[in-house]
Amino acid sequence: MLSIFQQGLENGKNDNDTISLWLHDGIIYTFNRLKEYDSAMTFSHRMVEQAG
């Protein structure tokens, strides 16, 4: 599941697309399920930067 979300981000047309926020959310969720909290925090920061 994680690779699908990451592939979606790589294939995205631009960073300002709203679908990329959903993809980041999926990646964060997956990392939390895997108990890889540092990676989840990294993507959380990226998501906040993109949204702002």
N, C-alpha and C. Protein backbone atom coordinates (compact mmCIF):
# COMPACT_ATOMS: atom_id res chain seq x y z
N MET A 1 0.83 -1.17 0.00
CA MET A 1 0.00 0.00 0.00
C MET A 1 0.88 1.25 0.00
N LEU A 2 1.94 1.21 0.77
CA LEU A 2 2.85 2.36 0.85
C LEU A 2 3.45 2.68 -0.52
N SER A 3 3.86 1.66 -1.23
CA SER A 3 4.47 1.89 -2.54
C SER A 3 3.48 2.49 -3.53
N ILE A 4 2.21 2.14 -3.41
CA ILE A 4 1.19 2.69 -4.30
C ILE A 4 1.02 4.19 -4.03
N PHE A 5 0.97 4.58 -2.76
CA PHE A 5 0.85 5.99 -2.42
C PHE A 5 2.07 6.76 -2.91
N GLN A 6 3.25 6.20 -2.70
CA GLN A 6 4.48 6.89 -3.11
C GLN A 6 4.56 7.00 -4.62
N GLN A 7 4.13 5.97 -5.32
CA GLN A 7 4.13 6.01 -6.78
C GLN A 7 3.16 7.08 -7.28
N GLY A 8 2.03 7.22 -6.61
CA GLY A 8 1.08 8.27 -6.96
C GLY A 8 1.69 9.65 -6.82
N LEU A 9 2.46 9.87 -5.75
CA LEU A 9 3.13 11.16 -5.58
C LEU A 9 4.16 11.41 -6.67
N GLU A 10 4.89 10.38 -7.03
CA GLU A 10 5.92 10.53 -8.07
C GLU A 10 5.30 10.83 -9.42
N ASN A 11 4.15 10.24 -9.70
CA ASN A 11 3.51 10.41 -11.00
C ASN A 11 2.57 11.61 -11.06
N GLY A 12 2.44 12.32 -9.94
CA GLY A 12 1.54 13.47 -9.90
C GLY A 12 1.98 14.56 -10.86
N LYS A 13 1.00 15.29 -11.35
CA LYS A 13 1.28 16.34 -12.33
C LYS A 13 1.94 17.55 -11.69
N ASN A 14 1.46 17.94 -10.50
CA ASN A 14 2.10 19.05 -9.80
C ASN A 14 1.86 18.92 -8.30
N ASP A 15 2.64 19.64 -7.53
CA ASP A 15 2.57 19.53 -6.07
C ASP A 15 1.36 20.25 -5.49
N ASN A 16 0.71 21.11 -6.26
CA ASN A 16 -0.41 21.86 -5.75
C ASN A 16 -1.74 21.16 -5.95
N ASP A 17 -1.72 19.98 -6.52
CA ASP A 17 -2.93 19.21 -6.74
C ASP A 17 -3.45 18.68 -5.41
N THR A 18 -4.75 18.74 -5.20
CA THR A 18 -5.32 18.30 -3.92
C THR A 18 -5.19 16.81 -3.70
N ILE A 19 -5.05 16.03 -4.77
CA ILE A 19 -4.91 14.58 -4.61
C ILE A 19 -3.61 14.25 -3.89
N SER A 20 -2.60 15.10 -4.04
CA SER A 20 -1.33 14.82 -3.38
C SER A 20 -1.47 14.91 -1.86
N LEU A 21 -2.39 15.75 -1.37
CA LEU A 21 -2.64 15.80 0.08
C LEU A 21 -3.23 14.49 0.56
N TRP A 22 -4.12 13.91 -0.22
CA TRP A 22 -4.70 12.61 0.14
C TRP A 22 -3.63 11.51 0.10
N LEU A 23 -2.73 11.59 -0.87
CA LEU A 23 -1.65 10.61 -0.96
C LEU A 23 -0.72 10.73 0.24
N HIS A 24 -0.39 11.96 0.63
CA HIS A 24 0.43 12.17 1.82
C HIS A 24 -0.28 11.59 3.05
N ASP A 25 -1.57 11.80 3.15
CA ASP A 25 -2.33 11.28 4.27
C ASP A 25 -2.27 9.75 4.31
N GLY A 26 -2.37 9.13 3.16
CA GLY A 26 -2.27 7.67 3.09
C GLY A 26 -0.89 7.18 3.51
N ILE A 27 0.14 7.88 3.09
CA ILE A 27 1.50 7.51 3.47
C ILE A 27 1.69 7.66 4.98
N ILE A 28 1.19 8.75 5.54
CA ILE A 28 1.29 8.97 6.98
C ILE A 28 0.57 7.86 7.74
N TYR A 29 -0.64 7.52 7.29
CA TYR A 29 -1.41 6.46 7.92
C TYR A 29 -0.65 5.13 7.88
N THR A 30 -0.08 4.82 6.72
CA THR A 30 0.64 3.56 6.56
C THR A 30 1.87 3.51 7.46
N PHE A 31 2.64 4.59 7.50
CA PHE A 31 3.81 4.62 8.37
C PHE A 31 3.42 4.48 9.83
N ASN A 32 2.31 5.09 10.23
CA ASN A 32 1.85 4.94 11.61
C ASN A 32 1.47 3.48 11.90
N ARG A 33 0.82 2.83 10.96
CA ARG A 33 0.46 1.41 11.15
C ARG A 33 1.71 0.53 11.26
N LEU A 34 2.76 0.93 10.55
CA LEU A 34 4.02 0.18 10.60
C LEU A 34 4.88 0.59 11.80
N LYS A 35 4.38 1.54 12.59
CA LYS A 35 5.08 2.07 13.76
C LYS A 35 6.41 2.72 13.39
N GLU A 36 6.44 3.33 12.22
CA GLU A 36 7.60 4.09 11.76
C GLU A 36 7.25 5.56 11.90
N TYR A 37 7.26 6.01 13.13
CA TYR A 37 6.76 7.33 13.47
C TYR A 37 7.62 8.47 12.93
N ASP A 38 8.92 8.26 12.83
CA ASP A 38 9.80 9.30 12.28
C ASP A 38 9.46 9.57 10.82
N SER A 39 9.22 8.51 10.07
CA SER A 39 8.85 8.68 8.67
C SER A 39 7.49 9.34 8.54
N ALA A 40 6.57 8.98 9.43
CA ALA A 40 5.25 9.61 9.42
C ALA A 40 5.36 11.10 9.69
N MET A 41 6.23 11.47 10.62
CA MET A 41 6.41 12.89 10.94
C MET A 41 7.01 13.65 9.75
N THR A 42 7.93 13.02 9.04
CA THR A 42 8.53 13.65 7.87
C THR A 42 7.47 13.99 6.84
N PHE A 43 6.59 13.03 6.57
CA PHE A 43 5.54 13.28 5.59
C PHE A 43 4.48 14.23 6.13
N SER A 44 4.30 14.25 7.43
CA SER A 44 3.37 15.23 8.03
C SER A 44 3.87 16.64 7.79
N HIS A 45 5.17 16.84 7.97
CA HIS A 45 5.75 18.17 7.74
C HIS A 45 5.63 18.56 6.26
N ARG A 46 5.86 17.60 5.37
CA ARG A 46 5.72 17.89 3.95
C ARG A 46 4.28 18.27 3.60
N MET A 47 3.34 17.57 4.22
CA MET A 47 1.93 17.84 3.95
C MET A 47 1.54 19.24 4.43
N VAL A 48 2.02 19.61 5.60
CA VAL A 48 1.72 20.94 6.15
C VAL A 48 2.34 22.03 5.27
N GLU A 49 3.57 21.81 4.83
CA GLU A 49 4.24 22.79 3.96
C GLU A 49 3.48 22.96 2.65
N GLN A 50 3.01 21.86 2.10
CA GLN A 50 2.29 21.92 0.83
C GLN A 50 0.94 22.59 1.00
N ALA A 51 0.28 22.34 2.10
CA ALA A 51 -1.05 22.91 2.33
C ALA A 51 -0.97 24.42 2.59
N GLY A 52 0.16 24.85 3.13
CA GLY A 52 0.28 26.26 3.52
C GLY A 52 0.78 27.12 2.48
